[in-house]
Amino acid sequence: MTKKNNDVQLDNANIDVRRDFPKTTSPLRAIRLKCCDCVGGRSAKAIEECEITLCPLHAFRLGRNPYRKKQSEAQRQASRENMRKLQARKQADTQDE
């Protein structure tokens, strides 16, 4: 990983930190970025294979919260129904314009 101003060279992809990772970055994404920095900007495989289990961020390194409860089927169905209603309302609003 090489740094030049705000640019970071990562896996042959030129990334502008301010452009690609705005201030609204989620905490899990920020942790993922820190892990990427910790392994020296190497591949995602290096992050997956991280052996520093004493690190407080280790459980979150894959971009998921391992302590988050899984939704029940009823909660998933309610979420799907809410999304359908939202999409229908959005479509109705665009047709009115």
N, C-alpha and C. Protein backbone atom coordinates (compact mmCIF):
# COMPACT_ATOMS: atom_id res chain seq x y z
N MET A 1 0.85 -1.18 0.00
CA MET A 1 0.00 0.00 0.00
C MET A 1 0.89 1.23 0.00
N THR A 2 0.65 2.12 -0.94
CA THR A 2 1.40 3.37 -0.99
C THR A 2 0.43 4.52 -0.81
N LYS A 3 0.91 5.57 -0.20
CA LYS A 3 0.07 6.73 0.03
C LYS A 3 0.66 7.93 -0.68
N LYS A 4 -0.20 8.69 -1.31
CA LYS A 4 0.20 9.94 -1.95
C LYS A 4 -0.97 10.89 -1.75
N ASN A 5 -0.76 11.92 -0.94
CA ASN A 5 -1.84 12.82 -0.55
C ASN A 5 -2.96 12.01 0.08
N ASN A 6 -4.16 12.04 -0.53
CA ASN A 6 -5.28 11.27 0.01
C ASN A 6 -5.49 9.97 -0.76
N ASP A 7 -4.62 9.66 -1.69
CA ASP A 7 -4.77 8.46 -2.49
C ASP A 7 -4.09 7.28 -1.81
N VAL A 8 -4.70 6.13 -1.93
CA VAL A 8 -4.16 4.90 -1.39
C VAL A 8 -4.15 3.89 -2.52
N GLN A 9 -3.02 3.26 -2.73
CA GLN A 9 -2.93 2.22 -3.75
C GLN A 9 -3.25 0.89 -3.06
N LEU A 10 -4.33 0.25 -3.45
CA LEU A 10 -4.78 -0.98 -2.81
C LEU A 10 -5.18 -1.97 -3.88
N ASP A 11 -4.48 -3.09 -3.95
CA ASP A 11 -4.79 -4.13 -4.93
C ASP A 11 -4.94 -3.55 -6.34
N ASN A 12 -4.01 -2.72 -6.72
CA ASN A 12 -3.99 -2.10 -8.04
C ASN A 12 -5.20 -1.22 -8.32
N ALA A 13 -5.90 -0.79 -7.30
CA ALA A 13 -7.04 0.11 -7.47
C ALA A 13 -6.71 1.42 -6.77
N ASN A 14 -6.77 2.52 -7.49
CA ASN A 14 -6.46 3.81 -6.90
C ASN A 14 -7.70 4.32 -6.16
N ILE A 15 -7.58 4.53 -4.87
CA ILE A 15 -8.70 4.93 -4.04
C ILE A 15 -8.40 6.29 -3.43
N ASP A 16 -9.32 7.22 -3.59
CA ASP A 16 -9.22 8.52 -2.94
C ASP A 16 -10.03 8.41 -1.65
N VAL A 17 -9.37 8.49 -0.52
CA VAL A 17 -10.02 8.25 0.76
C VAL A 17 -11.18 9.21 0.99
N ARG A 18 -11.00 10.48 0.70
CA ARG A 18 -12.08 11.45 0.94
C ARG A 18 -13.25 11.25 -0.01
N ARG A 19 -12.97 10.85 -1.24
CA ARG A 19 -14.04 10.67 -2.22
C ARG A 19 -14.77 9.35 -2.01
N ASP A 20 -14.02 8.27 -1.85
CA ASP A 20 -14.61 6.94 -1.79
C ASP A 20 -15.13 6.56 -0.42
N PHE A 21 -14.65 7.21 0.63
CA PHE A 21 -15.08 6.89 1.98
C PHE A 21 -15.47 8.19 2.69
N PRO A 22 -16.67 8.69 2.39
CA PRO A 22 -17.09 9.96 2.98
C PRO A 22 -17.28 9.85 4.49
N LYS A 23 -17.54 10.98 5.11
CA LYS A 23 -17.71 11.03 6.55
C LYS A 23 -18.89 10.18 7.02
N THR A 24 -19.79 9.84 6.11
CA THR A 24 -20.96 9.06 6.48
C THR A 24 -20.69 7.56 6.45
N THR A 25 -19.43 7.18 6.39
CA THR A 25 -19.07 5.76 6.40
C THR A 25 -19.59 5.11 7.68
N SER A 26 -20.19 3.94 7.53
CA SER A 26 -20.74 3.24 8.69
C SER A 26 -19.60 2.76 9.60
N PRO A 27 -19.92 2.53 10.87
CA PRO A 27 -18.88 2.02 11.77
C PRO A 27 -18.28 0.70 11.30
N LEU A 28 -19.10 -0.21 10.77
CA LEU A 28 -18.57 -1.49 10.30
C LEU A 28 -17.65 -1.30 9.11
N ARG A 29 -17.98 -0.35 8.23
CA ARG A 29 -17.10 -0.08 7.09
C ARG A 29 -15.79 0.55 7.56
N ALA A 30 -15.89 1.41 8.55
CA ALA A 30 -14.68 2.04 9.10
C ALA A 30 -13.77 0.97 9.72
N ILE A 31 -14.36 0.00 10.39
CA ILE A 31 -13.58 -1.10 10.96
C ILE A 31 -12.91 -1.88 9.84
N ARG A 32 -13.65 -2.15 8.79
CA ARG A 32 -13.10 -2.88 7.65
C ARG A 32 -11.92 -2.13 7.04
N LEU A 33 -12.05 -0.81 6.93
CA LEU A 33 -10.96 0.00 6.40
C LEU A 33 -9.74 -0.03 7.32
N LYS A 34 -9.98 -0.01 8.62
CA LYS A 34 -8.87 -0.09 9.58
C LYS A 34 -8.16 -1.43 9.45
N CYS A 35 -8.93 -2.50 9.28
CA CYS A 35 -8.33 -3.83 9.11
C CYS A 35 -7.52 -3.87 7.83
N CYS A 36 -8.01 -3.24 6.79
CA CYS A 36 -7.28 -3.18 5.52
C CYS A 36 -5.96 -2.45 5.73
N ASP A 37 -6.00 -1.38 6.48
CA ASP A 37 -4.78 -0.63 6.79
C ASP A 37 -3.82 -1.48 7.63
N CYS A 38 -4.37 -2.22 8.58
CA CYS A 38 -3.56 -3.03 9.48
C CYS A 38 -2.79 -4.12 8.75
N VAL A 39 -3.42 -4.74 7.75
CA VAL A 39 -2.74 -5.81 7.01
C VAL A 39 -1.88 -5.26 5.88
N GLY A 40 -1.72 -3.96 5.87
CA GLY A 40 -0.82 -3.35 4.90
C GLY A 40 -1.45 -3.15 3.53
N GLY A 41 -2.78 -3.09 3.48
CA GLY A 41 -3.45 -2.83 2.21
C GLY A 41 -3.46 -4.01 1.28
N ARG A 42 -3.17 -5.18 1.80
CA ARG A 42 -3.18 -6.36 0.95
C ARG A 42 -4.62 -6.75 0.64
N SER A 43 -4.83 -7.92 0.15
CA SER A 43 -6.13 -8.36 -0.33
C SER A 43 -7.13 -8.60 0.80
N ALA A 44 -8.39 -8.75 0.41
CA ALA A 44 -9.44 -9.06 1.36
C ALA A 44 -9.17 -10.42 2.01
N LYS A 45 -8.51 -11.27 1.29
CA LYS A 45 -8.15 -12.60 1.82
C LYS A 45 -7.26 -12.45 3.06
N ALA A 46 -6.37 -11.47 3.03
CA ALA A 46 -5.49 -11.23 4.18
C ALA A 46 -6.30 -10.80 5.39
N ILE A 47 -7.35 -10.04 5.17
CA ILE A 47 -8.21 -9.61 6.28
C ILE A 47 -8.95 -10.82 6.84
N GLU A 48 -9.47 -11.67 5.96
CA GLU A 48 -10.17 -12.87 6.40
C GLU A 48 -9.27 -13.79 7.21
N GLU A 49 -8.01 -13.88 6.83
CA GLU A 49 -7.07 -14.78 7.47
C GLU A 49 -6.34 -14.16 8.66
N CYS A 50 -6.74 -12.98 9.06
CA CYS A 50 -6.09 -12.30 10.18
C CYS A 50 -6.08 -13.20 11.41
N GLU A 51 -4.92 -13.30 12.02
CA GLU A 51 -4.76 -14.17 13.18
C GLU A 51 -4.64 -13.41 14.49
N ILE A 52 -4.83 -12.11 14.47
CA ILE A 52 -4.70 -11.30 15.68
C ILE A 52 -6.05 -11.31 16.40
N THR A 53 -6.35 -12.41 17.05
CA THR A 53 -7.65 -12.59 17.68
C THR A 53 -7.82 -11.74 18.94
N LEU A 54 -6.75 -11.21 19.49
CA LEU A 54 -6.85 -10.33 20.66
C LEU A 54 -7.28 -8.92 20.28
N CYS A 55 -7.26 -8.61 19.00
CA CYS A 55 -7.69 -7.29 18.54
C CYS A 55 -9.19 -7.12 18.81
N PRO A 56 -9.60 -6.00 19.40
CA PRO A 56 -11.02 -5.81 19.69
C PRO A 56 -11.88 -5.72 18.42
N LEU A 57 -11.27 -5.47 17.29
CA LEU A 57 -12.02 -5.36 16.04
C LEU A 57 -12.09 -6.68 15.27
N HIS A 58 -11.40 -7.70 15.74
CA HIS A 58 -11.29 -8.96 15.00
C HIS A 58 -12.64 -9.55 14.61
N ALA A 59 -13.58 -9.55 15.51
CA ALA A 59 -14.90 -10.14 15.23
C ALA A 59 -15.67 -9.35 14.18
N PHE A 60 -15.34 -8.08 13.99
CA PHE A 60 -16.06 -7.21 13.07
C PHE A 60 -15.34 -7.04 11.73
N ARG A 61 -14.18 -7.68 11.54
CA ARG A 61 -13.31 -7.41 10.40
C ARG A 61 -13.92 -7.73 9.05
N LEU A 62 -14.92 -8.59 9.01
CA LEU A 62 -15.53 -8.96 7.74
C LEU A 62 -16.70 -8.06 7.37
N GLY A 63 -16.92 -7.00 8.14
CA GLY A 63 -17.98 -6.05 7.82
C GLY A 63 -19.34 -6.45 8.34
N ARG A 64 -19.35 -7.35 9.30
CA ARG A 64 -20.61 -7.80 9.89
C ARG A 64 -20.50 -7.73 11.41
N ASN A 65 -21.64 -7.45 12.04
CA ASN A 65 -21.69 -7.42 13.49
C ASN A 65 -22.09 -8.82 13.98
N PRO A 66 -21.17 -9.55 14.57
CA PRO A 66 -21.48 -10.92 14.98
C PRO A 66 -22.45 -11.00 16.17
N TYR A 67 -22.67 -9.89 16.84
CA TYR A 67 -23.54 -9.88 18.01
C TYR A 67 -24.97 -9.47 17.69
N ARG A 68 -25.22 -9.11 16.46
CA ARG A 68 -26.55 -8.68 16.05
C ARG A 68 -27.47 -9.90 15.98
N LYS A 69 -28.66 -9.76 16.56
CA LYS A 69 -29.62 -10.86 16.53
C LYS A 69 -30.15 -11.03 15.11
N LYS A 70 -30.37 -12.27 14.73
CA LYS A 70 -30.97 -12.54 13.42
C LYS A 70 -32.45 -12.25 13.50
N GLN A 71 -33.01 -11.75 12.38
CA GLN A 71 -34.43 -11.46 12.33
C GLN A 71 -35.23 -12.75 12.24
N SER A 72 -36.39 -12.73 12.84
CA SER A 72 -37.29 -13.88 12.71
C SER A 72 -37.95 -13.81 11.33
N GLU A 73 -38.57 -14.88 10.93
CA GLU A 73 -39.26 -14.91 9.63
C GLU A 73 -40.37 -13.86 9.59
N ALA A 74 -41.08 -13.68 10.71
CA ALA A 74 -42.15 -12.69 10.78
C ALA A 74 -41.58 -11.27 10.58
N GLN A 75 -40.42 -10.99 11.18
CA GLN A 75 -39.80 -9.68 11.01
C GLN A 75 -39.35 -9.46 9.57
N ARG A 76 -38.80 -10.51 8.95
CA ARG A 76 -38.38 -10.39 7.54
C ARG A 76 -39.58 -10.15 6.64
N GLN A 77 -40.68 -10.85 6.91
CA GLN A 77 -41.88 -10.67 6.10
C GLN A 77 -42.43 -9.26 6.27
N ALA A 78 -42.43 -8.74 7.49
CA ALA A 78 -42.90 -7.37 7.74
C ALA A 78 -42.01 -6.36 7.01
N SER A 79 -40.71 -6.60 7.01
CA SER A 79 -39.78 -5.71 6.29
C SER A 79 -40.06 -5.74 4.79
N ARG A 80 -40.29 -6.94 4.25
CA ARG A 80 -40.60 -7.05 2.82
C ARG A 80 -41.88 -6.29 2.48
N GLU A 81 -42.90 -6.44 3.33
CA GLU A 81 -44.18 -5.76 3.09
C GLU A 81 -44.01 -4.24 3.16
N ASN A 82 -43.25 -3.77 4.13
CA ASN A 82 -42.99 -2.33 4.23
C ASN A 82 -42.25 -1.81 3.01
N MET A 83 -41.31 -2.60 2.49
CA MET A 83 -40.56 -2.20 1.30
C MET A 83 -41.48 -2.14 0.09
N ARG A 84 -42.38 -3.12 -0.04
CA ARG A 84 -43.34 -3.10 -1.15
C ARG A 84 -44.21 -1.84 -1.10
N LYS A 85 -44.69 -1.51 0.10
CA LYS A 85 -45.53 -0.31 0.27
C LYS A 85 -44.75 0.94 -0.09
N LEU A 86 -43.51 1.02 0.35
CA LEU A 86 -42.67 2.17 0.06
C LEU A 86 -42.43 2.31 -1.44
N GLN A 87 -42.13 1.19 -2.10
CA GLN A 87 -41.90 1.23 -3.55
C GLN A 87 -43.17 1.62 -4.30
N ALA A 88 -44.32 1.12 -3.86
CA ALA A 88 -45.58 1.47 -4.51
C ALA A 88 -45.87 2.96 -4.34
N ARG A 89 -45.61 3.49 -3.14
CA ARG A 89 -45.82 4.92 -2.88
C ARG A 89 -44.89 5.77 -3.74
N LYS A 90 -43.64 5.33 -3.85
CA LYS A 90 -42.65 6.05 -4.66
C LYS A 90 -43.07 6.05 -6.13
N GLN A 91 -43.53 4.90 -6.61
CA GLN A 91 -43.95 4.79 -8.01
C GLN A 91 -45.17 5.68 -8.26
N ALA A 92 -46.11 5.72 -7.32
CA ALA A 92 -47.29 6.58 -7.46
C ALA A 92 -46.91 8.05 -7.49
N ASP A 93 -45.92 8.42 -6.67
CA ASP A 93 -45.45 9.81 -6.65
C ASP A 93 -44.80 10.20 -7.98
N THR A 94 -44.03 9.31 -8.59
CA THR A 94 -43.37 9.62 -9.86
C THR A 94 -44.39 9.68 -11.00
N GLN A 95 -45.47 8.92 -10.91
CA GLN A 95 -46.49 8.97 -11.96
C GLN A 95 -47.32 10.25 -11.88
N ASP A 96 -47.47 10.81 -10.67
CA ASP A 96 -48.23 12.03 -10.48
C ASP A 96 -47.49 13.24 -11.05
N GLU A 97 -46.20 13.17 -11.15
CA GLU A 97 -45.41 14.33 -11.61
C GLU A 97 -45.44 14.50 -13.07
